[in-house]
């Protein structure tokens, strides 16, 4: 029996990249999955993949920066799939550039998604978990997307790093506040993942520094102890662990899953 059989999970930013990988892994491990993204086309395609796995799924279009939309997404998931057990606050965006050049508009946008989106997700999940009649010792799990940039501040990624440090703070505080409610809160911290986000990061570095396209990506990958770039599946395996029963005694942590790039 898969470790997540009978569980209902929601994944934000599920239409592509790491979010897609997480959603598919949770489904393979037995969960029914609600897919949330700001764009409908991606989650519709992922839903079709989950149907092939044989798990139930539902989709919901939402901007995680809008609190009411996150609460609506969680309510939809619980109603459509008959319960709610796991919240994966995965949605996020990057911002590449010197700290000195960050505009109020840039900061407001990335903060809205990377930090506020996690905060609203924590709030919505806690509210739903408390509504449900669940006598289990662990009544719900919240899993947040941080980053290696939530452990080390990276040049040219200063504001992005700040948002990921903030996610670690929210994770720790929420874990302390809701342990007595039977809710665990943890985070995952990926490194250099071969997704569209890193393609855009690399292009932005090239434009700002004069490096050839691909050079920045290859430089970061060259520093990974295990000798290769990370895949969404690498991240998804760790998230599935956090979602499953083997992590029931773990809370408030922000685990690095980066192949050996940042060491703590």
C-alpha atoms as a PDB file:
ATOM      1  CA  UNK A   1       0.000   0.000   0.000  1.00  0.00           C
ATOM      2  CA  UNK A   2       1.374   3.399  -0.956  1.00  0.00           C
ATOM      3  CA  UNK A   3       2.135   5.661   1.984  1.00  0.00           C
ATOM      4  CA  UNK A   4      -0.285   8.384   0.863  1.00  0.00           C
ATOM      5  CA  UNK A   5      -3.259   6.191   0.017  1.00  0.00           C
ATOM      6  CA  UNK A   6      -6.472   7.854   1.154  1.00  0.00           C
ATOM      7  CA  UNK A   7      -4.887  11.294   1.485  1.00  0.00           C
ATOM      8  CA  UNK A   8      -5.891  14.465  -0.356  1.00  0.00           C
ATOM      9  CA  UNK A   9      -3.152  16.906  -1.326  1.00  0.00           C
ATOM     10  CA  UNK A  10      -3.180  20.353  -2.918  1.00  0.00           C
ATOM     11  CA  UNK A  11      -0.189  21.621  -4.895  1.00  0.00           C
ATOM     12  CA  UNK A  12       0.138  25.246  -5.982  1.00  0.00           C
ATOM     13  CA  UNK A  13       2.112  26.107  -9.089  1.00  0.00           C
ATOM     14  CA  UNK A  14       1.260  22.609 -10.278  1.00  0.00           C
ATOM     15  CA  UNK A  15       1.148  23.324 -14.001  1.00  0.00           C
ATOM     16  CA  UNK A  16       4.826  22.826 -14.747  1.00  0.00           C
ATOM     17  CA  UNK A  17       8.309  22.275 -13.381  1.00  0.00           C
ATOM     18  CA  UNK A  18       8.718  21.288  -9.759  1.00  0.00           C
ATOM     19  CA  UNK A  19       4.992  21.637  -9.035  1.00  0.00           C
ATOM     20  CA  UNK A  20       4.110  19.189 -11.793  1.00  0.00           C
ATOM     21  CA  UNK A  21       6.747  16.771 -10.530  1.00  0.00           C
ATOM     22  CA  UNK A  22       5.413  16.970  -6.970  1.00  0.00           C
ATOM     23  CA  UNK A  23       1.795  16.463  -8.050  1.00  0.00           C
ATOM     24  CA  UNK A  24       2.648  13.395 -10.121  1.00  0.00           C
ATOM     25  CA  UNK A  25       4.778  11.863  -7.374  1.00  0.00           C
ATOM     26  CA  UNK A  26       2.084  12.358  -4.729  1.00  0.00           C
ATOM     27  CA  UNK A  27      -0.412  10.707  -7.074  1.00  0.00           C
ATOM     28  CA  UNK A  28       1.925   7.779  -7.727  1.00  0.00           C
ATOM     29  CA  UNK A  29       2.295   7.387  -3.974  1.00  0.00           C
ATOM     30  CA  UNK A  30      -1.460   7.099  -3.557  1.00  0.00           C
ATOM     31  CA  UNK A  31      -2.824  10.611  -2.964  1.00  0.00           C
ATOM     32  CA  UNK A  32      -5.672  12.306  -4.747  1.00  0.00           C
ATOM     33  CA  UNK A  33      -4.404  15.703  -5.872  1.00  0.00           C
ATOM     34  CA  UNK A  34      -5.890  19.154  -6.354  1.00  0.00           C
ATOM     35  CA  UNK A  35      -3.905  21.132  -8.911  1.00  0.00           C
ATOM     36  CA  UNK A  36      -3.748  24.900  -8.534  1.00  0.00           C
ATOM     37  CA  UNK A  37      -2.067  27.348 -10.899  1.00  0.00           C
ATOM     38  CA  UNK A  38      -2.631  30.827 -12.278  1.00  0.00           C
ATOM     39  CA  UNK A  39      -2.771  29.335 -15.797  1.00  0.00           C
ATOM     40  CA  UNK A  40      -5.329  26.652 -16.656  1.00  0.00           C
ATOM     41  CA  UNK A  41      -3.575  24.982 -19.587  1.00  0.00           C
ATOM     42  CA  UNK A  42      -0.751  23.505 -17.550  1.00  0.00           C
ATOM     43  CA  UNK A  43      -2.882  22.011 -14.803  1.00  0.00           C
ATOM     44  CA  UNK A  44      -5.302  20.521 -17.311  1.00  0.00           C
ATOM     45  CA  UNK A  45      -2.403  18.605 -18.862  1.00  0.00           C
ATOM     46  CA  UNK A  46      -1.135  17.445 -15.451  1.00  0.00           C
ATOM     47  CA  UNK A  47      -4.655  16.356 -14.504  1.00  0.00           C
ATOM     48  CA  UNK A  48      -4.709  14.116 -17.570  1.00  0.00           C
ATOM     49  CA  UNK A  49      -1.427  12.549 -16.436  1.00  0.00           C
ATOM     50  CA  UNK A  50      -2.841  11.905 -12.962  1.00  0.00           C
ATOM     51  CA  UNK A  51      -5.936  10.323 -14.493  1.00  0.00           C
ATOM     52  CA  UNK A  52      -3.616   7.867 -16.226  1.00  0.00           C
ATOM     53  CA  UNK A  53      -2.017   7.028 -12.885  1.00  0.00           C
ATOM     54  CA  UNK A  54      -5.476   6.148 -11.607  1.00  0.00           C
ATOM     55  CA  UNK A  55      -5.875   8.750  -8.884  1.00  0.00           C
ATOM     56  CA  UNK A  56      -8.611  11.352  -8.553  1.00  0.00           C
ATOM     57  CA  UNK A  57      -7.797  14.955  -9.338  1.00  0.00           C
ATOM     58  CA  UNK A  58      -9.388  18.371  -9.609  1.00  0.00           C
ATOM     59  CA  UNK A  59      -8.128  21.709 -10.900  1.00  0.00           C
ATOM     60  CA  UNK A  60      -8.538  25.267  -9.709  1.00  0.00           C
ATOM     61  CA  UNK A  61      -7.232  28.473 -11.261  1.00  0.00           C
ATOM     62  CA  UNK A  62      -5.953  30.907  -8.645  1.00  0.00           C
ATOM     63  CA  UNK A  63      -3.404  33.636  -8.037  1.00  0.00           C
ATOM     64  CA  UNK A  64      -1.729  32.635  -4.765  1.00  0.00           C
ATOM     65  CA  UNK A  65      -1.002  36.290  -4.048  1.00  0.00           C
ATOM     66  CA  UNK A  66      -4.728  36.779  -3.490  1.00  0.00           C
ATOM     67  CA  UNK A  67      -5.773  35.482  -0.071  1.00  0.00           C
ATOM     68  CA  UNK A  68      -9.417  34.874  -1.010  1.00  0.00           C
ATOM     69  CA  UNK A  69      -8.393  32.806  -4.016  1.00  0.00           C
ATOM     70  CA  UNK A  70      -6.142  30.558  -1.934  1.00  0.00           C
ATOM     71  CA  UNK A  71      -8.928  29.953   0.590  1.00  0.00           C
ATOM     72  CA  UNK A  72     -11.305  29.214  -2.291  1.00  0.00           C
ATOM     73  CA  UNK A  73      -8.833  26.727  -3.770  1.00  0.00           C
ATOM     74  CA  UNK A  74      -8.512  24.835  -0.496  1.00  0.00           C
ATOM     75  CA  UNK A  75     -12.279  24.757  -0.037  1.00  0.00           C
ATOM     76  CA  UNK A  76     -12.712  23.464  -3.579  1.00  0.00           C
ATOM     77  CA  UNK A  77     -10.138  20.717  -3.021  1.00  0.00           C
ATOM     78  CA  UNK A  78     -11.792  19.525   0.176  1.00  0.00           C
ATOM     79  CA  UNK A  79     -15.243  19.475  -1.394  1.00  0.00           C
ATOM     80  CA  UNK A  80     -14.251  17.944  -4.723  1.00  0.00           C
ATOM     81  CA  UNK A  81     -11.990  15.245  -3.304  1.00  0.00           C
ATOM     82  CA  UNK A  82     -13.766  14.546  -0.024  1.00  0.00           C
ATOM     83  CA  UNK A  83     -11.176  15.729   2.455  1.00  0.00           C
ATOM     84  CA  UNK A  84      -7.927  17.606   2.896  1.00  0.00           C
ATOM     85  CA  UNK A  85      -4.646  16.377   4.369  1.00  0.00           C
ATOM     86  CA  UNK A  86      -1.610  17.937   2.666  1.00  0.00           C
ATOM     87  CA  UNK A  87      -0.909  21.507   1.527  1.00  0.00           C
ATOM     88  CA  UNK A  88       2.093  22.067  -0.730  1.00  0.00           C
ATOM     89  CA  UNK A  89       2.782  25.789  -1.110  1.00  0.00           C
ATOM     90  CA  UNK A  90       4.994  25.401  -4.160  1.00  0.00           C
ATOM     91  CA  UNK A  91       4.198  28.396  -6.393  1.00  0.00           C
ATOM     92  CA  UNK A  92       7.021  30.878  -6.790  1.00  0.00           C
ATOM     93  CA  UNK A  93       8.832  33.211  -9.163  1.00  0.00           C
ATOM     94  CA  UNK A  94      12.404  34.494  -9.455  1.00  0.00           C
ATOM     95  CA  UNK A  95      13.866  37.978  -9.633  1.00  0.00           C
ATOM     96  CA  UNK A  96      17.408  38.403 -10.966  1.00  0.00           C
ATOM     97  CA  UNK A  97      19.273  41.675 -10.600  1.00  0.00           C
ATOM     98  CA  UNK A  98      21.309  43.838  -8.237  1.00  0.00           C
ATOM     99  CA  UNK A  99      19.636  44.822  -4.999  1.00  0.00           C
ATOM    100  CA  UNK A 100      20.274  48.451  -5.928  1.00  0.00           C
ATOM    101  CA  UNK A 101      18.081  48.097  -9.020  1.00  0.00           C
ATOM    102  CA  UNK A 102      15.040  46.437  -7.436  1.00  0.00           C
ATOM    103  CA  UNK A 103      11.897  48.510  -7.998  1.00  0.00           C
ATOM    104  CA  UNK A 104       8.882  48.713  -5.702  1.00  0.00           C
ATOM    105  CA  UNK A 105       6.864  46.934  -8.395  1.00  0.00           C
ATOM    106  CA  UNK A 106       9.411  44.091  -8.654  1.00  0.00           C
ATOM    107  CA  UNK A 107       9.523  43.618  -4.894  1.00  0.00           C
ATOM    108  CA  UNK A 108       5.751  43.766  -4.470  1.00  0.00           C
ATOM    109  CA  UNK A 109       5.206  41.127  -7.149  1.00  0.00           C
ATOM    110  CA  UNK A 110       7.742  38.573  -5.926  1.00  0.00           C
ATOM    111  CA  UNK A 111       6.778  39.119  -2.291  1.00  0.00           C
ATOM    112  CA  UNK A 112       3.106  38.636  -3.130  1.00  0.00           C
ATOM    113  CA  UNK A 113       3.717  35.218  -4.660  1.00  0.00           C
ATOM    114  CA  UNK A 114       6.705  33.803  -2.798  1.00  0.00           C
ATOM    115  CA  UNK A 115       5.854  35.010   0.708  1.00  0.00           C
ATOM    116  CA  UNK A 116       2.225  36.082   0.851  1.00  0.00           C
ATOM    117  CA  UNK A 117       1.236  33.036  -1.203  1.00  0.00           C
ATOM    118  CA  UNK A 118       2.836  30.771   1.402  1.00  0.00           C
ATOM    119  CA  UNK A 119       1.278  32.737   4.265  1.00  0.00           C
ATOM    120  CA  UNK A 120      -2.213  32.534   2.759  1.00  0.00           C
ATOM    121  CA  UNK A 121      -1.656  28.836   2.049  1.00  0.00           C
ATOM    122  CA  UNK A 122      -0.729  28.193   5.672  1.00  0.00           C
ATOM    123  CA  UNK A 123      -3.779  30.092   6.874  1.00  0.00           C
ATOM    124  CA  UNK A 124      -6.174  28.343   4.500  1.00  0.00           C
ATOM    125  CA  UNK A 125      -4.803  24.885   5.260  1.00  0.00           C
ATOM    126  CA  UNK A 126      -4.939  25.388   9.030  1.00  0.00           C
ATOM    127  CA  UNK A 127      -8.532  26.628   8.809  1.00  0.00           C
ATOM    128  CA  UNK A 128      -9.562  23.595   6.753  1.00  0.00           C
ATOM    129  CA  UNK A 129      -7.713  21.098   8.958  1.00  0.00           C
ATOM    130  CA  UNK A 130      -9.473  22.505  12.023  1.00  0.00           C
ATOM    131  CA  UNK A 131     -12.881  22.143  10.340  1.00  0.00           C
ATOM    132  CA  UNK A 132     -12.414  18.454   9.759  1.00  0.00           C
ATOM    133  CA  UNK A 133     -13.205  15.742  12.273  1.00  0.00           C
ATOM    134  CA  UNK A 134      -9.861  13.983  12.252  1.00  0.00           C
ATOM    135  CA  UNK A 135      -8.859  12.167  15.454  1.00  0.00           C
ATOM    136  CA  UNK A 136      -5.359  11.290  14.196  1.00  0.00           C
ATOM    137  CA  UNK A 137      -2.323  12.582  16.063  1.00  0.00           C
ATOM    138  CA  UNK A 138      -1.206  14.322  12.869  1.00  0.00           C
ATOM    139  CA  UNK A 139      -4.265  16.031  11.394  1.00  0.00           C
ATOM    140  CA  UNK A 140      -2.582  17.772   8.511  1.00  0.00           C
ATOM    141  CA  UNK A 141       0.708  18.628   6.845  1.00  0.00           C
ATOM    142  CA  UNK A 142       1.872  21.911   5.337  1.00  0.00           C
ATOM    143  CA  UNK A 143       4.924  21.852   3.087  1.00  0.00           C
ATOM    144  CA  UNK A 144       6.442  25.098   1.814  1.00  0.00           C
ATOM    145  CA  UNK A 145       8.849  25.904  -1.020  1.00  0.00           C
ATOM    146  CA  UNK A 146      12.018  27.546   0.204  1.00  0.00           C
ATOM    147  CA  UNK A 147      15.368  27.207  -1.599  1.00  0.00           C
ATOM    148  CA  UNK A 148      19.119  27.027  -1.183  1.00  0.00           C
ATOM    149  CA  UNK A 149      18.637  30.793  -1.461  1.00  0.00           C
ATOM    150  CA  UNK A 150      16.731  30.554   1.826  1.00  0.00           C
ATOM    151  CA  UNK A 151      19.954  29.373   3.496  1.00  0.00           C
ATOM    152  CA  UNK A 152      22.509  31.489   1.617  1.00  0.00           C
ATOM    153  CA  UNK A 153      21.930  34.911   0.097  1.00  0.00           C
ATOM    154  CA  UNK A 154      23.105  34.855  -3.521  1.00  0.00           C
ATOM    155  CA  UNK A 155      24.460  37.851  -5.417  1.00  0.00           C
ATOM    156  CA  UNK A 156      22.051  39.039  -8.121  1.00  0.00           C
ATOM    157  CA  UNK A 157      19.318  37.063  -6.370  1.00  0.00           C
ATOM    158  CA  UNK A 158      19.107  39.196  -3.250  1.00  0.00           C
ATOM    159  CA  UNK A 159      15.377  39.914  -3.197  1.00  0.00           C
ATOM    160  CA  UNK A 160      14.564  36.348  -4.222  1.00  0.00           C
ATOM    161  CA  UNK A 161      16.807  35.111  -1.409  1.00  0.00           C
ATOM    162  CA  UNK A 162      14.981  37.391   1.033  1.00  0.00           C
ATOM    163  CA  UNK A 163      11.654  35.835   0.094  1.00  0.00           C
ATOM    164  CA  UNK A 164      13.004  32.335   0.644  1.00  0.00           C
ATOM    165  CA  UNK A 165      14.502  33.262   4.015  1.00  0.00           C
ATOM    166  CA  UNK A 166      11.035  34.584   4.881  1.00  0.00           C
ATOM    167  CA  UNK A 167       9.496  31.236   3.971  1.00  0.00           C
ATOM    168  CA  UNK A 168      11.823  29.543   6.440  1.00  0.00           C
ATOM    169  CA  UNK A 169      10.714  31.993   9.138  1.00  0.00           C
ATOM    170  CA  UNK A 170       7.035  31.365   8.411  1.00  0.00           C
ATOM    171  CA  UNK A 171       7.666  27.626   8.447  1.00  0.00           C
ATOM    172  CA  UNK A 172       9.341  27.708  11.842  1.00  0.00           C
ATOM    173  CA  UNK A 173       6.776  30.019  13.415  1.00  0.00           C
ATOM    174  CA  UNK A 174       3.773  28.126  12.016  1.00  0.00           C
ATOM    175  CA  UNK A 175       5.256  24.822  13.192  1.00  0.00           C
ATOM    176  CA  UNK A 176       5.486  26.184  16.731  1.00  0.00           C
ATOM    177  CA  UNK A 177       2.019  27.734  16.643  1.00  0.00           C
ATOM    178  CA  UNK A 178       0.203  24.691  15.278  1.00  0.00           C
ATOM    179  CA  UNK A 179       2.004  21.682  16.733  1.00  0.00           C
ATOM    180  CA  UNK A 180      -0.666  21.438  19.419  1.00  0.00           C
ATOM    181  CA  UNK A 181      -3.282  21.298  16.654  1.00  0.00           C
ATOM    182  CA  UNK A 182      -1.666  18.189  15.186  1.00  0.00           C
ATOM    183  CA  UNK A 183      -0.357  20.101  12.161  1.00  0.00           C
ATOM    184  CA  UNK A 184       3.242  19.806  10.988  1.00  0.00           C
ATOM    185  CA  UNK A 185       4.891  22.508   8.890  1.00  0.00           C
ATOM    186  CA  UNK A 186       8.102  21.908   6.970  1.00  0.00           C
ATOM    187  CA  UNK A 187       9.880  23.304   3.910  1.00  0.00           C
ATOM    188  CA  UNK A 188      11.974  21.937   1.076  1.00  0.00           C
ATOM    189  CA  UNK A 189      14.987  23.773  -0.296  1.00  0.00           C
ATOM    190  CA  UNK A 190      15.910  22.806  -3.868  1.00  0.00           C
ATOM    191  CA  UNK A 191      19.070  23.900  -5.640  1.00  0.00           C
ATOM    192  CA  UNK A 192      19.667  24.194  -9.372  1.00  0.00           C
ATOM    193  CA  UNK A 193      16.724  22.437 -10.993  1.00  0.00           C
ATOM    194  CA  UNK A 194      16.535  22.052 -14.757  1.00  0.00           C
ATOM    195  CA  UNK A 195      13.209  23.855 -15.228  1.00  0.00           C
ATOM    196  CA  UNK A 196      11.892  26.858 -17.141  1.00  0.00           C
ATOM    197  CA  UNK A 197      12.612  29.040 -14.097  1.00  0.00           C
ATOM    198  CA  UNK A 198      16.330  28.322 -14.317  1.00  0.00           C
ATOM    199  CA  UNK A 199      16.287  28.947 -18.056  1.00  0.00           C
ATOM    200  CA  UNK A 200      14.953  32.426 -17.328  1.00  0.00           C
ATOM    201  CA  UNK A 201      17.425  32.986 -14.468  1.00  0.00           C
ATOM    202  CA  UNK A 202      20.302  32.049 -16.755  1.00  0.00           C
ATOM    203  CA  UNK A 203      19.075  34.378 -19.522  1.00  0.00           C
ATOM    204  CA  UNK A 204      18.755  37.252 -17.066  1.00  0.00           C
ATOM    205  CA  UNK A 205      22.268  36.657 -15.726  1.00  0.00           C
ATOM    206  CA  UNK A 206      23.540  36.655 -19.320  1.00  0.00           C
ATOM    207  CA  UNK A 207      21.839  39.976 -20.058  1.00  0.00           C
ATOM    208  CA  UNK A 208      23.149  41.604 -16.891  1.00  0.00           C
ATOM    209  CA  UNK A 209      26.694  40.246 -16.764  1.00  0.00           C
ATOM    210  CA  UNK A 210      27.585  39.597 -20.388  1.00  0.00           C
ATOM    211  CA  UNK A 211      28.018  35.874 -19.766  1.00  0.00           C
ATOM    212  CA  UNK A 212      27.048  33.553 -22.580  1.00  0.00           C
ATOM    213  CA  UNK A 213      23.656  31.901 -22.232  1.00  0.00           C
ATOM    214  CA  UNK A 214      24.103  28.649 -20.365  1.00  0.00           C
ATOM    215  CA  UNK A 215      27.309  29.781 -18.675  1.00  0.00           C
ATOM    216  CA  UNK A 216      25.726  30.746 -15.343  1.00  0.00           C
ATOM    217  CA  UNK A 217      23.647  27.578 -15.223  1.00  0.00           C
ATOM    218  CA  UNK A 218      26.684  25.429 -15.955  1.00  0.00           C
ATOM    219  CA  UNK A 219      28.731  27.285 -13.344  1.00  0.00           C
ATOM    220  CA  UNK A 220      26.172  26.544 -10.633  1.00  0.00           C
ATOM    221  CA  UNK A 221      25.790  22.930 -11.739  1.00  0.00           C
ATOM    222  CA  UNK A 222      29.567  22.569 -11.672  1.00  0.00           C
ATOM    223  CA  UNK A 223      29.508  23.254  -7.936  1.00  0.00           C
ATOM    224  CA  UNK A 224      27.121  20.384  -7.145  1.00  0.00           C
ATOM    225  CA  UNK A 225      28.877  17.559  -5.292  1.00  0.00           C
ATOM    226  CA  UNK A 226      26.808  14.843  -6.951  1.00  0.00           C
ATOM    227  CA  UNK A 227      27.835  16.137 -10.344  1.00  0.00           C
ATOM    228  CA  UNK A 228      24.555  16.840 -12.098  1.00  0.00           C
ATOM    229  CA  UNK A 229      21.660  19.263 -12.173  1.00  0.00           C
ATOM    230  CA  UNK A 230      18.623  18.526 -10.077  1.00  0.00           C
ATOM    231  CA  UNK A 231      15.369  17.280 -11.583  1.00  0.00           C
ATOM    232  CA  UNK A 232      11.796  17.919 -10.432  1.00  0.00           C
ATOM    233  CA  UNK A 233      11.623  14.239  -9.485  1.00  0.00           C
ATOM    234  CA  UNK A 234      14.543  14.706  -7.067  1.00  0.00           C
ATOM    235  CA  UNK A 235      12.565  17.408  -5.272  1.00  0.00           C
ATOM    236  CA  UNK A 236       9.286  15.498  -5.461  1.00  0.00           C
ATOM    237  CA  UNK A 237      10.697  12.460  -3.684  1.00  0.00           C
ATOM    238  CA  UNK A 238      11.617  14.592  -0.670  1.00  0.00           C
ATOM    239  CA  UNK A 239       8.244  16.340  -0.660  1.00  0.00           C
ATOM    240  CA  UNK A 240       6.495  12.963  -0.735  1.00  0.00           C
ATOM    241  CA  UNK A 241       8.548  11.932   2.289  1.00  0.00           C
ATOM    242  CA  UNK A 242       7.487  15.089   4.138  1.00  0.00           C
ATOM    243  CA  UNK A 243       3.865  14.364   3.197  1.00  0.00           C
ATOM    244  CA  UNK A 244       4.013  10.765   4.379  1.00  0.00           C
ATOM    245  CA  UNK A 245       3.913   9.047   7.775  1.00  0.00           C
ATOM    246  CA  UNK A 246       7.690   8.624   8.060  1.00  0.00           C
ATOM    247  CA  UNK A 247       7.949  12.398   8.596  1.00  0.00           C
ATOM    248  CA  UNK A 248       5.237  12.592  11.275  1.00  0.00           C
ATOM    249  CA  UNK A 249       7.797  13.514  13.954  1.00  0.00           C
ATOM    250  CA  UNK A 250       9.389  16.267  11.871  1.00  0.00           C
ATOM    251  CA  UNK A 251       8.236  19.874  12.013  1.00  0.00           C
ATOM    252  CA  UNK A 252       9.669  23.355  11.591  1.00  0.00           C
ATOM    253  CA  UNK A 253      12.485  22.179   9.335  1.00  0.00           C
ATOM    254  CA  UNK A 254      13.710  23.459   5.960  1.00  0.00           C
ATOM    255  CA  UNK A 255      15.574  20.560   4.417  1.00  0.00           C
ATOM    256  CA  UNK A 256      18.162  21.064   1.683  1.00  0.00           C
ATOM    257  CA  UNK A 257      17.653  18.814  -1.338  1.00  0.00           C
ATOM    258  CA  UNK A 258      20.300  20.145  -3.722  1.00  0.00           C
ATOM    259  CA  UNK A 259      22.770  17.383  -4.530  1.00  0.00           C
ATOM    260  CA  UNK A 260      25.408  18.925  -2.301  1.00  0.00           C
ATOM    261  CA  UNK A 261      25.679  22.606  -3.147  1.00  0.00           C
ATOM    262  CA  UNK A 262      24.904  24.334   0.153  1.00  0.00           C
ATOM    263  CA  UNK A 263      25.913  22.466   3.300  1.00  0.00           C
ATOM    264  CA  UNK A 264      24.412  22.876   6.764  1.00  0.00           C
END
